[in-house]
């Protein structure tokens, strides 16, 4: 019988294994005591859940197919999970473009600390966490699945952030791609609100506040302001369409 690996790395993707950037990057590193589970289910949440079920290790790592971990990443994950149940790290959009200014949410600070959020392109946990907090919510296909899971996890375990657990990850390939992601993200916001019992009146107020708040159209440069403005309009459109769909489903 082969010994159990130290880590199980779970990657949701539709790409062939040979084309997955995160897997190729890990193969360049010195650490070898891990298995890779490439999951091609039809949503990231389903793929991650199936990876958890298949995992041989008790320590689980979640990466996207285009996550690029730095050297020493897996060793650091393994060490952190000896004392922490859930860990996440710093994520950097690698391109020096306007989108880099718009991804400050990726950076949770220069020092290690306990946080309330993580992203699926750079997260790890012990397998027992999913026994206690439940699995990834498969009703959320993309966009808010990390936030929803993090809220459940925090009822049982803290989430530890280490900025040296670093991954480079492109948030969007272009301005149009960035706008598209804002729309798709907000399509599912009403679903999350429904799960959290947010009243309809509050949902309408938050949606209108998004499009009417003048600060959402301000930027440090004209280009930055233009991209922020377009993204804000797309977020409003996504929420409005999402609310309409949920209202239609209830009817």
Protein backbone atom coordinates (compact mmCIF):
# COMPACT_ATOMS: atom_id res chain seq x y z
CA UNK A 1 0.00 0.00 0.00
CA UNK A 2 1.34 3.40 -0.98
CA UNK A 3 1.76 5.89 1.88
CA UNK A 4 -0.87 8.61 2.15
CA UNK A 5 0.35 11.91 0.65
CA UNK A 6 0.85 14.90 2.91
CA UNK A 7 -1.43 17.09 0.80
CA UNK A 8 -4.27 16.67 -1.68
CA UNK A 9 -4.38 19.56 -4.18
CA UNK A 10 -7.87 20.02 -5.67
CA UNK A 11 -8.17 21.90 -8.97
CA UNK A 12 -11.57 22.48 -10.64
CA UNK A 13 -11.11 22.88 -14.38
CA UNK A 14 -12.25 21.82 -17.83
CA UNK A 15 -8.69 21.86 -19.18
CA UNK A 16 -6.62 18.72 -19.80
CA UNK A 17 -4.14 18.12 -16.98
CA UNK A 18 -1.19 18.97 -19.23
CA UNK A 19 -2.54 22.47 -19.82
CA UNK A 20 -3.22 23.40 -16.18
CA UNK A 21 -0.87 26.21 -15.14
CA UNK A 22 -1.11 25.58 -11.39
CA UNK A 23 -0.17 21.90 -11.77
CA UNK A 24 2.76 22.76 -14.04
CA UNK A 25 4.00 25.34 -11.53
CA UNK A 26 3.85 22.90 -8.60
CA UNK A 27 5.82 20.33 -10.62
CA UNK A 28 8.67 22.85 -10.77
CA UNK A 29 8.88 23.05 -6.98
CA UNK A 30 10.96 20.89 -4.65
CA UNK A 31 8.04 19.61 -2.53
CA UNK A 32 6.70 16.34 -3.93
CA UNK A 33 4.60 14.80 -1.14
CA UNK A 34 1.22 15.63 -2.67
CA UNK A 35 -1.41 14.35 -5.05
CA UNK A 36 -3.32 16.42 -7.61
CA UNK A 37 -7.04 15.88 -8.11
CA UNK A 38 -8.18 17.51 -11.35
CA UNK A 39 -11.97 17.77 -11.22
CA UNK A 40 -14.04 18.54 -14.31
CA UNK A 41 -17.56 18.63 -12.86
CA UNK A 42 -19.87 21.31 -14.31
CA UNK A 43 -19.34 23.84 -11.51
CA UNK A 44 -16.46 24.79 -9.23
CA UNK A 45 -18.42 23.86 -6.12
CA UNK A 46 -19.30 20.39 -7.41
CA UNK A 47 -15.71 19.87 -8.53
CA UNK A 48 -14.27 20.85 -5.16
CA UNK A 49 -16.72 18.61 -3.30
CA UNK A 50 -15.85 15.63 -5.46
CA UNK A 51 -12.18 16.38 -4.90
CA UNK A 52 -12.73 16.35 -1.14
CA UNK A 53 -14.44 12.95 -1.39
CA UNK A 54 -11.58 11.53 -3.47
CA UNK A 55 -8.75 13.07 -1.43
CA UNK A 56 -6.30 10.69 0.22
CA UNK A 57 -4.73 13.30 2.49
CA UNK A 58 -6.21 14.96 5.55
CA UNK A 59 -4.77 18.31 4.42
CA UNK A 60 -6.55 19.83 1.42
CA UNK A 61 -5.34 22.61 -0.88
CA UNK A 62 -7.67 24.48 -3.26
CA UNK A 63 -6.20 26.17 -6.33
CA UNK A 64 -7.66 27.40 -9.60
CA UNK A 65 -6.23 26.09 -12.85
CA UNK A 66 -4.41 29.41 -13.38
CA UNK A 67 -3.16 29.89 -9.80
CA UNK A 68 0.63 30.27 -9.72
CA UNK A 69 1.98 29.49 -6.23
CA UNK A 70 5.46 30.67 -5.27
CA UNK A 71 8.27 28.26 -4.38
CA UNK A 72 7.77 26.83 -0.90
CA UNK A 73 3.99 27.23 -1.06
CA UNK A 74 3.09 23.60 -0.32
CA UNK A 75 5.63 23.28 2.50
CA UNK A 76 4.16 26.38 4.12
CA UNK A 77 0.59 25.11 3.71
CA UNK A 78 1.52 21.82 5.31
CA UNK A 79 3.20 23.53 8.27
CA UNK A 80 0.32 25.96 8.80
CA UNK A 81 -2.27 23.17 8.79
CA UNK A 82 -0.46 21.52 11.69
CA UNK A 83 -1.79 24.28 13.93
CA UNK A 84 -4.61 25.95 11.95
CA UNK A 85 -7.74 24.33 10.54
CA UNK A 86 -8.25 26.77 7.65
CA UNK A 87 -5.65 28.97 5.98
CA UNK A 88 -5.52 31.40 3.10
CA UNK A 89 -2.88 33.67 1.66
CA UNK A 90 -2.09 36.70 -0.43
CA UNK A 91 -3.25 36.82 -4.05
CA UNK A 92 -1.63 39.14 -6.59
CA UNK A 93 -3.00 40.07 -9.99
CA UNK A 94 0.30 39.84 -11.89
CA UNK A 95 -0.30 42.39 -14.65
CA UNK A 96 0.59 46.05 -14.11
CA UNK A 97 -2.70 47.38 -15.48
CA UNK A 98 -5.83 49.20 -14.37
CA UNK A 99 -7.35 45.94 -13.13
CA UNK A 100 -4.56 45.64 -10.56
CA UNK A 101 -5.94 48.77 -8.87
CA UNK A 102 -9.37 47.15 -8.72
CA UNK A 103 -8.31 43.93 -6.99
CA UNK A 104 -7.27 45.32 -3.61
CA UNK A 105 -9.77 42.89 -2.00
CA UNK A 106 -7.28 40.13 -2.85
CA UNK A 107 -4.72 41.59 -0.42
CA UNK A 108 -5.73 41.10 3.21
CA UNK A 109 -2.73 42.90 4.63
CA UNK A 110 1.04 42.69 5.14
CA UNK A 111 0.92 40.69 8.39
CA UNK A 112 -0.49 37.30 9.43
CA UNK A 113 -3.87 37.56 11.12
CA UNK A 114 -7.28 35.97 11.41
CA UNK A 115 -9.74 37.01 8.68
CA UNK A 116 -13.32 36.39 7.59
CA UNK A 117 -12.79 35.67 3.88
CA UNK A 118 -10.83 33.46 1.52
CA UNK A 119 -10.80 32.77 -2.22
CA UNK A 120 -10.83 29.39 -3.92
CA UNK A 121 -7.69 30.18 -5.91
CA UNK A 122 -5.62 30.16 -2.69
CA UNK A 123 -7.10 28.28 0.27
CA UNK A 124 -6.42 25.18 2.33
CA UNK A 125 -7.99 23.30 5.20
CA UNK A 126 -8.02 20.08 7.12
CA UNK A 127 -10.61 17.61 5.85
CA UNK A 128 -12.42 17.61 9.19
CA UNK A 129 -13.55 21.19 8.52
CA UNK A 130 -16.05 19.92 5.95
CA UNK A 131 -17.41 17.35 8.39
CA UNK A 132 -18.22 20.15 10.82
CA UNK A 133 -19.12 23.09 8.56
CA UNK A 134 -20.55 21.21 5.58
CA UNK A 135 -19.37 20.99 2.00
CA UNK A 136 -19.22 23.68 -0.68
CA UNK A 137 -22.77 24.80 -1.53
CA UNK A 138 -23.46 23.35 -4.98
CA UNK A 139 -26.44 25.69 -5.48
CA UNK A 140 -23.87 28.48 -5.83
CA UNK A 141 -22.00 27.75 -9.03
CA UNK A 142 -19.57 30.70 -9.03
CA UNK A 143 -19.09 34.07 -7.41
CA UNK A 144 -20.15 33.90 -3.77
CA UNK A 145 -19.37 30.30 -2.91
CA UNK A 146 -16.28 31.22 -0.87
CA UNK A 147 -18.11 33.89 1.14
CA UNK A 148 -20.99 31.55 1.91
CA UNK A 149 -18.68 28.73 2.99
CA UNK A 150 -16.47 31.06 5.04
CA UNK A 151 -19.48 32.21 7.05
CA UNK A 152 -20.32 28.61 7.93
CA UNK A 153 -16.72 27.73 8.72
CA UNK A 154 -16.41 30.66 11.14
CA UNK A 155 -19.09 29.03 13.29
CA UNK A 156 -16.56 26.27 13.99
CA UNK A 157 -13.02 27.44 13.16
CA UNK A 158 -11.03 30.64 12.64
CA UNK A 159 -9.55 31.41 9.21
CA UNK A 160 -5.84 32.23 9.31
CA UNK A 161 -4.26 34.52 6.72
CA UNK A 162 -0.53 34.35 5.95
CA UNK A 163 0.72 36.86 3.33
CA UNK A 164 3.73 34.63 2.59
CA UNK A 165 1.32 31.99 1.32
CA UNK A 166 1.44 33.74 -2.02
CA UNK A 167 -0.28 32.97 -5.31
CA UNK A 168 -0.25 34.96 -8.53
CA UNK A 169 -3.66 34.85 -10.15
CA UNK A 170 -5.00 36.91 -13.04
CA UNK A 171 -8.38 38.32 -12.04
CA UNK A 172 -9.37 39.34 -15.56
CA UNK A 173 -7.63 39.30 -18.94
CA UNK A 174 -9.12 42.60 -20.15
CA UNK A 175 -11.42 45.43 -19.14
CA UNK A 176 -14.35 43.75 -20.91
CA UNK A 177 -13.56 40.50 -19.08
CA UNK A 178 -13.49 42.44 -15.79
CA UNK A 179 -16.90 43.96 -16.53
CA UNK A 180 -18.29 40.55 -17.48
CA UNK A 181 -17.13 39.06 -14.18
CA UNK A 182 -18.77 41.87 -12.21
CA UNK A 183 -22.07 41.14 -13.95
CA UNK A 184 -21.84 37.39 -13.41
CA UNK A 185 -20.82 37.85 -9.78
CA UNK A 186 -23.81 40.01 -8.99
CA UNK A 187 -26.25 37.70 -10.78
CA UNK A 188 -25.97 35.45 -7.74
CA UNK A 189 -26.03 38.14 -5.05
CA UNK A 190 -29.86 37.98 -4.69
CA UNK A 191 -29.54 34.21 -4.19
CA UNK A 192 -27.12 34.81 -1.31
CA UNK A 193 -29.44 37.45 0.14
CA UNK A 194 -32.34 34.99 0.05
CA UNK A 195 -30.22 32.40 1.87
CA UNK A 196 -29.45 35.00 4.55
CA UNK A 197 -33.10 36.12 4.83
CA UNK A 198 -32.40 39.69 3.67
CA UNK A 199 -35.82 41.41 3.23
CA UNK A 200 -36.88 42.34 -0.31
CA UNK A 201 -37.03 46.03 0.62
CA UNK A 202 -33.40 45.92 1.72
CA UNK A 203 -32.41 44.09 -1.45
CA UNK A 204 -34.00 46.82 -3.61
CA UNK A 205 -32.37 49.56 -1.52
CA UNK A 206 -28.91 47.99 -1.78
CA UNK A 207 -29.29 47.52 -5.51
CA UNK A 208 -30.32 51.14 -6.09
CA UNK A 209 -27.61 52.37 -3.73
CA UNK A 210 -25.01 50.63 -5.89
CA UNK A 211 -25.94 52.52 -9.04
CA UNK A 212 -26.75 55.87 -7.36
CA UNK A 213 -23.70 56.24 -5.10
CA UNK A 214 -21.45 58.81 -6.85
CA UNK A 215 -18.34 57.48 -5.11
CA UNK A 216 -18.64 54.30 -7.19
CA UNK A 217 -17.75 56.32 -10.28
CA UNK A 218 -14.62 58.02 -8.93
CA UNK A 219 -11.13 56.95 -10.00
CA UNK A 220 -7.53 58.06 -9.50
CA UNK A 221 -7.14 58.48 -13.27
CA UNK A 222 -9.71 58.97 -16.05
CA UNK A 223 -9.17 55.37 -17.22
CA UNK A 224 -9.56 54.05 -13.68
CA UNK A 225 -12.79 56.05 -13.29
CA UNK A 226 -14.11 54.74 -16.60
CA UNK A 227 -13.43 51.11 -15.70
CA UNK A 228 -14.92 51.54 -12.22
CA UNK A 229 -18.00 53.22 -13.68
CA UNK A 230 -18.53 50.47 -16.24
CA UNK A 231 -18.07 47.82 -13.56
CA UNK A 232 -20.59 49.53 -11.31
CA UNK A 233 -23.20 49.61 -14.08
CA UNK A 234 -22.56 45.93 -14.76
CA UNK A 235 -22.92 45.08 -11.06
CA UNK A 236 -26.24 46.92 -10.97
CA UNK A 237 -27.42 45.10 -14.10
CA UNK A 238 -26.37 41.73 -12.65
CA UNK A 239 -28.22 42.34 -9.39
CA UNK A 240 -31.33 43.57 -11.18
CA UNK A 241 -31.44 40.54 -13.47
CA UNK A 242 -30.71 38.22 -10.54
CA UNK A 243 -33.55 39.72 -8.52
CA UNK A 244 -35.92 39.38 -11.47
CA UNK A 245 -34.98 35.73 -11.94
CA UNK A 246 -35.49 34.94 -8.27
CA UNK A 247 -38.82 36.73 -8.27
CA UNK A 248 -39.91 34.75 -11.34
CA UNK A 249 -38.80 31.48 -9.75
CA UNK A 250 -40.89 32.22 -6.64
CA UNK A 251 -43.92 32.95 -8.79
